[in-house]
């Protein structure tokens, strides 16, 4: 009796703790589920957040996802393009120039582009953006002006020149064997002899024969030349990377205006660091990105091709 009265409060509960622990854990789990019943789960990291939260307290991602009106896929609140069904989803923003649209506008009051898209006059592809997603042709006055301004920049001029040189290297056929190389040298000697004879017949006693602009080389040397051009292209494209901008349309237009022809490229966005065939396939190009060079036999996955 004395032992029971002198026992400290809670001593009996502590002695029976191992027996009650499963029940306590169940009660705690129920309390946690009750407190989490109205929580918003982050789609990025899975953390629980308060009902009125807009951003995840753990990773900072958006918690309120929208829905694509075309396919029903979830969209980030500031995304204007669905990467699942490849449709432009904003009805209040012109996809061609980024200006505000009212519900009754059939054409953009600023750039005059139609809501339904523009058919490329070159390849007949229907486009939601100012540059053709298929062939890259500029489709609006603003896009054509951006291309004209881009051509005046020294770095762009070098970019185009190196892209042209790389494209020419792609067309060259290297020597397949030592015998093939000797045959080529014999042909070059015959060419020089014939040209000299023709010039002498026309009254030139000691003619200067111009050398051909292209020379066949071995496969190893040709690959080395290609790699040098690719490295310089990658350096220039990296220097021309586009920083984050408020308007997705402006980023798309600027990136497409700087894209050189004749080289296999992909657009790497800053949002997911995913590869797209162009910024036209990215849902959030306003976060910036850059062009990267893909090798001839590259098997790197481009997200738009899924």
Protein backbone atom coordinates (compact mmCIF):
# COMPACT_ATOMS: atom_id res chain seq x y z
CA UNK A 1 0.00 0.00 0.00
CA UNK A 2 2.84 2.26 0.96
CA UNK A 3 4.67 1.46 -2.26
CA UNK A 4 1.62 2.39 -4.34
CA UNK A 5 1.16 5.75 -2.59
CA UNK A 6 4.85 6.68 -2.81
CA UNK A 7 5.08 5.76 -6.47
CA UNK A 8 5.92 8.80 -8.62
CA UNK A 9 3.30 10.03 -11.06
CA UNK A 10 3.63 8.30 -14.40
CA UNK A 11 5.80 5.49 -13.03
CA UNK A 12 3.15 2.85 -13.74
CA UNK A 13 2.72 4.10 -17.29
CA UNK A 14 6.48 3.96 -17.89
CA UNK A 15 6.69 0.42 -16.62
CA UNK A 16 3.97 -0.65 -19.04
CA UNK A 17 5.43 1.41 -21.91
CA UNK A 18 6.43 -1.57 -24.06
CA UNK A 19 2.85 -2.84 -23.91
CA UNK A 20 1.29 0.50 -24.76
CA UNK A 21 3.80 1.60 -27.41
CA UNK A 22 1.89 0.09 -30.41
CA UNK A 23 -1.28 1.87 -29.26
CA UNK A 24 0.57 5.15 -28.81
CA UNK A 25 2.14 4.88 -32.25
CA UNK A 26 -1.29 4.20 -33.76
CA UNK A 27 -2.73 7.27 -32.01
CA UNK A 28 0.16 9.41 -33.22
CA UNK A 29 -0.30 8.16 -36.78
CA UNK A 30 -4.02 8.95 -36.60
CA UNK A 31 -3.27 12.44 -35.29
CA UNK A 32 -0.73 12.97 -38.09
CA UNK A 33 -3.21 11.80 -40.72
CA UNK A 34 -5.83 14.14 -39.29
CA UNK A 35 -3.45 17.09 -39.39
CA UNK A 36 -2.38 16.13 -42.94
CA UNK A 37 -5.92 15.67 -44.24
CA UNK A 38 -6.04 19.18 -45.65
CA UNK A 39 -2.35 19.47 -46.55
CA UNK A 40 -1.14 20.17 -50.08
CA UNK A 41 1.42 17.62 -51.25
CA UNK A 42 4.27 19.01 -53.35
CA UNK A 43 4.33 17.31 -56.78
CA UNK A 44 8.09 17.87 -56.97
CA UNK A 45 9.44 16.50 -53.66
CA UNK A 46 6.37 15.04 -51.90
CA UNK A 47 6.55 17.33 -48.86
CA UNK A 48 3.31 18.32 -47.07
CA UNK A 49 2.35 21.99 -46.99
CA UNK A 50 -0.42 24.09 -45.49
CA UNK A 51 -3.66 24.42 -47.47
CA UNK A 52 -3.08 28.08 -48.32
CA UNK A 53 0.53 27.56 -49.49
CA UNK A 54 1.44 28.58 -53.03
CA UNK A 55 5.04 27.38 -52.96
CA UNK A 56 6.51 24.28 -51.34
CA UNK A 57 8.19 25.07 -48.03
CA UNK A 58 10.77 22.37 -48.75
CA UNK A 59 11.87 22.84 -52.39
CA UNK A 60 10.08 26.04 -53.48
CA UNK A 61 8.14 24.43 -56.35
CA UNK A 62 4.64 25.55 -57.33
CA UNK A 63 1.89 23.68 -55.50
CA UNK A 64 -1.11 24.77 -57.52
CA UNK A 65 -0.97 22.97 -60.85
CA UNK A 66 -3.22 23.88 -63.72
CA UNK A 67 -4.74 21.53 -66.28
CA UNK A 68 -4.22 21.43 -70.04
CA UNK A 69 -7.54 22.21 -71.75
CA UNK A 70 -6.62 19.89 -74.63
CA UNK A 71 -5.44 16.67 -72.93
CA UNK A 72 -6.07 17.22 -69.20
CA UNK A 73 -2.41 16.92 -68.20
CA UNK A 74 -1.17 18.88 -65.20
CA UNK A 75 0.57 22.16 -65.93
CA UNK A 76 2.62 24.57 -63.87
CA UNK A 77 0.77 27.86 -63.29
CA UNK A 78 3.26 29.86 -65.38
CA UNK A 79 3.51 27.33 -68.24
CA UNK A 80 2.00 28.43 -71.55
CA UNK A 81 2.59 25.21 -73.49
CA UNK A 82 1.67 21.58 -72.83
CA UNK A 83 4.64 19.30 -73.40
CA UNK A 84 2.36 16.25 -73.46
CA UNK A 85 0.03 17.13 -76.34
CA UNK A 86 2.16 20.00 -77.79
CA UNK A 87 -0.55 22.69 -77.66
CA UNK A 88 -0.31 26.35 -76.67
CA UNK A 89 -2.68 26.81 -73.72
CA UNK A 90 -2.80 30.52 -72.88
CA UNK A 91 -5.85 32.38 -74.21
CA UNK A 92 -4.91 35.78 -72.78
CA UNK A 93 -1.36 36.03 -74.21
CA UNK A 94 -0.37 36.18 -77.87
CA UNK A 95 1.93 33.25 -78.58
CA UNK A 96 3.69 35.17 -81.37
CA UNK A 97 4.72 38.36 -79.56
CA UNK A 98 3.65 38.01 -75.91
CA UNK A 99 1.08 40.83 -75.90
CA UNK A 100 -2.15 40.73 -73.92
CA UNK A 101 -5.29 39.43 -75.67
CA UNK A 102 -8.93 39.97 -74.80
CA UNK A 103 -11.50 37.17 -75.30
CA UNK A 104 -12.99 38.84 -78.38
CA UNK A 105 -9.65 39.31 -80.18
CA UNK A 106 -9.36 37.05 -83.22
CA UNK A 107 -6.05 38.71 -84.12
CA UNK A 108 -3.37 40.14 -81.86
CA UNK A 109 -3.84 43.93 -81.61
CA UNK A 110 -0.05 44.41 -81.60
CA UNK A 111 1.44 42.00 -84.15
CA UNK A 112 -1.73 41.08 -86.08
CA UNK A 113 -1.16 37.33 -85.81
CA UNK A 114 -4.27 35.10 -85.73
CA UNK A 115 -5.24 33.04 -82.71
CA UNK A 116 -5.50 29.85 -84.76
CA UNK A 117 -1.85 29.90 -85.82
CA UNK A 118 0.11 30.64 -88.99
CA UNK A 119 0.80 28.21 -91.81
CA UNK A 120 4.47 28.28 -92.85
CA UNK A 121 4.70 29.31 -96.54
CA UNK A 122 7.84 27.17 -96.93
CA UNK A 123 6.82 23.78 -95.52
CA UNK A 124 3.05 24.28 -94.93
CA UNK A 125 3.27 23.48 -91.20
CA UNK A 126 0.73 25.08 -88.86
CA UNK A 127 2.52 26.99 -86.10
CA UNK A 128 1.58 28.65 -82.81
CA UNK A 129 4.82 30.61 -82.64
CA UNK A 130 6.67 33.23 -84.68
CA UNK A 131 9.16 30.76 -86.16
CA UNK A 132 8.24 27.54 -87.94
CA UNK A 133 8.84 24.57 -85.66
CA UNK A 134 9.58 22.40 -88.71
CA UNK A 135 11.92 24.45 -90.92
CA UNK A 136 12.70 27.48 -88.74
CA UNK A 137 11.38 30.12 -91.17
CA UNK A 138 10.36 33.47 -89.59
CA UNK A 139 6.60 33.91 -89.87
CA UNK A 140 5.94 37.41 -88.49
CA UNK A 141 7.34 40.87 -89.17
CA UNK A 142 8.95 40.93 -85.73
CA UNK A 143 10.60 37.56 -86.37
CA UNK A 144 11.96 38.68 -89.74
CA UNK A 145 13.29 41.87 -88.17
CA UNK A 146 15.01 39.89 -85.42
CA UNK A 147 16.72 37.69 -88.02
CA UNK A 148 17.91 40.78 -89.92
CA UNK A 149 19.31 42.32 -86.73
CA UNK A 150 20.96 39.05 -85.73
CA UNK A 151 22.84 38.90 -89.04
CA UNK A 152 24.64 42.15 -88.16
CA UNK A 153 26.19 40.74 -84.97
CA UNK A 154 29.85 39.61 -85.31
CA UNK A 155 29.36 36.51 -83.12
CA UNK A 156 26.39 35.42 -85.20
CA UNK A 157 28.34 35.97 -88.44
CA UNK A 158 31.14 33.75 -87.11
CA UNK A 159 28.56 31.21 -85.97
CA UNK A 160 27.03 30.99 -89.45
CA UNK A 161 30.45 30.84 -91.14
CA UNK A 162 31.65 27.95 -88.96
CA UNK A 163 28.34 26.16 -89.40
CA UNK A 164 28.79 26.46 -93.19
CA UNK A 165 32.37 25.16 -92.97
CA UNK A 166 31.25 22.25 -90.82
CA UNK A 167 28.48 21.44 -93.29
CA UNK A 168 31.05 21.35 -96.11
CA UNK A 169 33.23 18.97 -94.09
CA UNK A 170 30.21 16.74 -93.67
CA UNK A 171 29.98 16.46 -97.45
CA UNK A 172 33.61 15.48 -97.95
CA UNK A 173 34.62 11.88 -98.60
CA UNK A 174 37.90 10.87 -96.90
CA UNK A 175 40.51 8.54 -98.33
CA UNK A 176 39.46 4.96 -97.88
CA UNK A 177 42.95 3.47 -98.41
CA UNK A 178 46.53 4.34 -99.30
CA UNK A 179 45.85 3.34 -102.91
CA UNK A 180 42.90 5.72 -102.95
CA UNK A 181 45.18 8.51 -101.74
CA UNK A 182 47.76 7.81 -104.48
CA UNK A 183 45.01 7.82 -107.09
CA UNK A 184 43.85 11.22 -105.83
CA UNK A 185 47.37 12.63 -106.04
CA UNK A 186 47.68 11.38 -109.63
CA UNK A 187 44.38 13.06 -110.52
CA UNK A 188 45.60 16.34 -109.00
CA UNK A 189 48.80 16.19 -111.06
CA UNK A 190 46.81 15.47 -114.21
CA UNK A 191 44.49 18.42 -113.43
CA UNK A 192 47.44 20.79 -113.04
CA UNK A 193 49.05 19.59 -116.28
CA UNK A 194 45.84 19.97 -118.32
CA UNK A 195 45.20 23.47 -116.98
CA UNK A 196 48.77 24.54 -117.76
CA UNK A 197 48.50 23.27 -121.34
CA UNK A 198 45.21 25.10 -121.83
CA UNK A 199 46.68 28.32 -120.43
CA UNK A 200 49.77 28.02 -122.64
CA UNK A 201 47.58 27.53 -125.71
CA UNK A 202 45.95 30.85 -124.82
CA UNK A 203 49.34 32.62 -124.76
CA UNK A 204 50.37 32.35 -121.08
CA UNK A 205 53.94 30.95 -121.03
CA UNK A 206 54.12 30.43 -117.24
CA UNK A 207 50.55 30.18 -115.91
CA UNK A 208 49.74 30.01 -112.18
CA UNK A 209 47.30 27.20 -111.54
CA UNK A 210 44.95 27.87 -108.60
CA UNK A 211 44.73 25.13 -106.04
CA UNK A 212 41.32 23.54 -105.37
CA UNK A 213 39.46 24.89 -102.35
CA UNK A 214 38.90 21.42 -100.93
CA UNK A 215 41.44 18.66 -100.43
CA UNK A 216 40.63 15.08 -99.61
CA UNK A 217 42.19 13.91 -96.40
CA UNK A 218 42.25 10.77 -94.30
CA UNK A 219 39.30 9.83 -92.14
CA UNK A 220 41.22 10.67 -88.97
CA UNK A 221 42.20 14.11 -90.24
CA UNK A 222 38.67 14.84 -91.44
CA UNK A 223 37.22 13.89 -88.06
CA UNK A 224 39.76 16.12 -86.33
CA UNK A 225 38.71 19.07 -88.50
CA UNK A 226 35.05 18.40 -87.74
CA UNK A 227 35.69 18.20 -84.01
CA UNK A 228 37.53 21.53 -84.11
CA UNK A 229 34.57 23.19 -85.82
CA UNK A 230 32.09 21.58 -83.41
CA UNK A 231 34.09 22.77 -80.40
CA UNK A 232 34.07 26.36 -81.66
CA UNK A 233 30.36 26.13 -82.46
CA UNK A 234 29.64 24.87 -78.95
CA UNK A 235 31.68 27.71 -77.46
CA UNK A 236 29.84 30.37 -79.48
CA UNK A 237 26.42 28.89 -78.68
CA UNK A 238 27.29 28.72 -75.01
CA UNK A 239 28.31 32.40 -75.05
CA UNK A 240 24.97 33.24 -76.70
CA UNK A 241 22.90 31.45 -74.04
CA UNK A 242 19.66 33.27 -73.26
CA UNK A 243 19.12 34.43 -69.67
CA UNK A 244 15.69 34.32 -67.97
CA UNK A 245 13.24 36.88 -69.39
CA UNK A 246 9.66 37.78 -68.40
CA UNK A 247 8.09 36.83 -71.75
CA UNK A 248 8.16 33.23 -73.07
CA UNK A 249 7.42 34.54 -76.58
CA UNK A 250 10.47 36.82 -76.53
CA UNK A 251 12.76 33.97 -75.48
CA UNK A 252 11.41 31.66 -78.17
CA UNK A 253 11.75 34.33 -80.85
CA UNK A 254 15.27 35.36 -79.87
CA UNK A 255 16.50 31.77 -79.64
CA UNK A 256 15.02 30.81 -83.01
CA UNK A 257 16.51 33.93 -84.62
CA UNK A 258 20.03 32.95 -83.52
CA UNK A 259 19.79 29.30 -84.67
CA UNK A 260 22.28 28.57 -87.49
CA UNK A 261 21.35 26.28 -90.36
CA UNK A 262 23.24 23.19 -91.42
CA UNK A 263 24.04 21.84 -87.94
CA UNK A 264 22.11 19.37 -85.82
CA UNK A 265 21.14 21.28 -82.68
CA UNK A 266 18.95 20.83 -79.63
CA UNK A 267 17.59 23.38 -77.17
CA UNK A 268 18.42 22.69 -73.51
CA UNK A 269 16.03 24.54 -71.23
CA UNK A 270 16.91 25.86 -67.78
CA UNK A 271 13.62 24.58 -66.34
CA UNK A 272 14.13 20.81 -66.49
CA UNK A 273 17.46 20.80 -68.33
CA UNK A 274 15.70 18.70 -70.94
CA UNK A 275 16.58 18.60 -74.62
CA UNK A 276 13.99 19.96 -77.04
CA UNK A 277 14.13 20.26 -80.79
CA UNK A 278 13.63 24.00 -80.21
CA UNK A 279 12.37 26.34 -77.45
CA UNK A 280 8.95 26.00 -79.11
CA UNK A 281 8.68 22.60 -77.38
CA UNK A 282 9.43 23.93 -73.89
CA UNK A 283 6.62 24.87 -71.49
CA UNK A 284 8.68 27.49 -69.63
CA UNK A 285 11.31 29.00 -71.97
CA UNK A 286 11.19 32.23 -69.94
CA UNK A 287 13.62 30.54 -67.55
CA UNK A 288 16.25 30.69 -70.29
CA UNK A 289 18.33 28.08 -72.07
CA UNK A 290 20.83 27.52 -74.86
CA UNK A 291 21.47 25.66 -78.09
CA UNK A 292 23.82 22.67 -77.98
CA UNK A 293 25.44 20.82 -80.87
CA UNK A 294 24.48 17.19 -81.40
CA UNK A 295 26.83 14.81 -83.14
CA UNK A 296 25.93 13.26 -86.47
CA UNK A 297 25.13 9.91 -84.87
CA UNK A 298 23.91 11.29 -81.55
CA UNK A 299 21.33 9.18 -79.74
CA UNK A 300 20.60 11.79 -77.08
CA UNK A 301 16.90 11.92 -76.39
CA UNK A 302 14.97 14.99 -77.50
CA UNK A 303 11.88 15.45 -75.38
CA UNK A 304 9.68 16.63 -78.27
CA UNK A 305 10.21 13.33 -80.07
CA UNK A 306 8.46 11.27 -77.41
